[in-house]
Amino acid sequence: MPATTADCHCHCHCLLPLPTANWFAALAETQNQLQQRLLELTPTDSPDLRAAWEATARSILERQPDPAGHGLLSVFEQYLILVTCRDEQQQVELLQRFTTEGLDCRALVS
C-alpha cells in the first residue's frame, strides 16, 4: 500500500497509508489468485468438499459494499507508528516502557 512518512517530535516515522482504487483492485486480484492456488494445492475427489470451498470463496468475494457507499468492504482504521531502534536493548526498553504506559505494541525484526 502506498504510504507517506512524516517526522514527528519523537524522531520516529509515522506511516500514513494512502490506499487507492488500484491498490484495492490489485488486492482483490491477489486474493483471487491465492484462492485458485489453494484449490490447486489441495485437490479433492469429494464434490461436496469442493462445493463447500467454492461456496465459501464466492460468499467472501460477493460481500456487499460497506453502508457508506465506498464500494469496498469495511476496514477499520489503524494509526501506527514504526520506531527504528538503534539496537535490541533499546527495543526491549521501549517495549517495556510503552507496555507500562498501556500502549498495545509488538516487536518487529527485519
Protein backbone atom coordinates (compact mmCIF):
# COMPACT_ATOMS: atom_id res chain seq x y z
CA MET A 1 0.00 0.00 0.00
CA PRO A 2 1.41 3.44 -0.80
CA ALA A 3 2.38 5.43 2.25
CA THR A 4 3.97 8.70 3.13
CA THR A 5 6.28 9.21 6.06
CA ALA A 6 6.41 12.27 8.23
CA ASP A 7 8.86 13.03 11.01
CA CYS A 8 7.15 13.69 14.31
CA HIS A 9 8.53 15.18 17.51
CA CYS A 10 9.84 11.82 18.79
CA HIS A 11 12.04 11.28 15.69
CA CYS A 12 10.15 8.21 14.53
CA HIS A 13 8.44 7.82 11.18
CA CYS A 14 4.66 7.97 11.25
CA LEU A 15 3.25 5.88 8.43
CA LEU A 16 0.18 7.33 6.77
CA PRO A 17 -1.43 4.75 4.46
CA LEU A 18 -2.89 6.13 1.27
CA PRO A 19 -4.89 3.31 -0.35
CA THR A 20 -6.01 3.87 -3.89
CA ALA A 21 -8.65 2.21 -6.04
CA ASN A 22 -5.84 0.49 -7.97
CA TRP A 23 -4.42 -0.88 -4.72
CA PHE A 24 -7.80 -2.37 -3.77
CA ALA A 25 -8.24 -3.85 -7.25
CA ALA A 26 -4.79 -5.42 -7.00
CA LEU A 27 -5.64 -6.81 -3.56
CA ALA A 28 -8.83 -8.40 -4.91
CA GLU A 29 -6.89 -9.96 -7.79
CA THR A 30 -4.27 -11.28 -5.37
CA GLN A 31 -6.98 -12.82 -3.19
CA ASN A 32 -8.48 -14.49 -6.24
CA GLN A 33 -5.07 -15.86 -7.25
CA LEU A 34 -4.46 -17.15 -3.72
CA GLN A 35 -7.81 -18.93 -3.72
CA GLN A 36 -7.03 -20.58 -7.06
CA ARG A 37 -3.57 -21.65 -5.85
CA LEU A 38 -5.01 -23.14 -2.65
CA LEU A 39 -7.50 -25.13 -4.69
CA GLU A 40 -4.62 -26.43 -6.84
CA LEU A 41 -2.55 -27.38 -3.77
CA THR A 42 -5.42 -29.14 -2.01
CA PRO A 43 -7.17 -31.19 -4.67
CA THR A 44 -10.10 -33.30 -3.58
CA ASP A 45 -12.15 -36.05 -5.14
CA SER A 46 -15.07 -35.10 -2.93
CA PRO A 47 -17.59 -32.98 -4.85
CA ASP A 48 -19.21 -31.93 -1.56
CA LEU A 49 -15.95 -30.61 -0.13
CA ARG A 50 -15.06 -28.81 -3.36
CA ALA A 51 -18.55 -27.25 -3.48
CA ALA A 52 -18.18 -26.08 0.14
CA TRP A 53 -14.81 -24.45 -0.62
CA GLU A 54 -16.17 -22.73 -3.71
CA ALA A 55 -19.30 -21.52 -1.88
CA THR A 56 -17.17 -20.05 0.89
CA ALA A 57 -14.89 -18.27 -1.58
CA ARG A 58 -17.88 -16.96 -3.56
CA SER A 59 -19.57 -15.62 -0.44
CA ILE A 60 -16.43 -13.71 0.50
CA LEU A 61 -15.99 -12.26 -2.98
CA GLU A 62 -19.67 -11.31 -3.26
CA ARG A 63 -19.98 -9.46 0.05
CA GLN A 64 -21.99 -6.28 -0.09
CA PRO A 65 -20.09 -2.98 0.00
CA ASP A 66 -19.99 -1.02 3.20
CA PRO A 67 -23.03 1.16 4.00
CA ALA A 68 -21.01 4.36 3.49
CA GLY A 69 -21.19 3.61 -0.22
CA HIS A 70 -17.46 3.43 -0.89
CA GLY A 71 -17.86 0.20 -2.84
CA LEU A 72 -15.33 -1.53 -0.59
CA LEU A 73 -15.60 -3.87 2.34
CA SER A 74 -15.47 -2.04 5.64
CA VAL A 75 -11.95 -1.90 7.02
CA PHE A 76 -11.29 -0.37 10.40
CA GLU A 77 -8.69 2.34 10.56
CA GLN A 78 -5.45 1.85 12.44
CA TYR A 79 -2.96 4.52 13.31
CA LEU A 80 0.51 3.03 13.67
CA ILE A 81 3.97 4.31 14.47
CA LEU A 82 7.10 2.42 13.46
CA VAL A 83 10.11 3.30 15.60
CA THR A 84 13.58 2.33 14.40
CA CYS A 85 15.71 1.37 17.42
CA ARG A 86 19.48 1.59 17.46
CA ASP A 87 19.78 -1.95 18.91
CA GLU A 88 17.90 -4.77 20.64
CA GLN A 89 18.45 -3.29 24.09
CA GLN A 90 16.68 -0.06 23.14
CA GLN A 91 13.87 -2.07 21.55
CA VAL A 92 13.34 -4.02 24.79
CA GLU A 93 13.44 -0.82 26.86
CA LEU A 94 10.90 0.94 24.65
CA LEU A 95 8.59 -2.08 24.58
CA GLN A 96 8.66 -2.26 28.37
CA ARG A 97 8.06 1.49 28.69
CA PHE A 98 5.21 1.57 26.17
CA THR A 99 3.58 -1.53 27.69
CA THR A 100 3.81 0.04 31.16
CA GLU A 101 2.12 3.15 29.72
CA GLY A 102 -0.73 0.96 28.48
CA LEU A 103 0.09 1.00 24.77
CA ASP A 104 -0.56 -2.04 22.58
CA CYS A 105 2.78 -2.70 20.89
CA ARG A 106 4.83 -5.51 19.43
CA ALA A 107 8.43 -6.15 18.43
CA LEU A 108 9.47 -6.47 14.80
CA VAL A 109 12.87 -7.52 13.48
CA SER A 110 14.00 -7.04 9.91
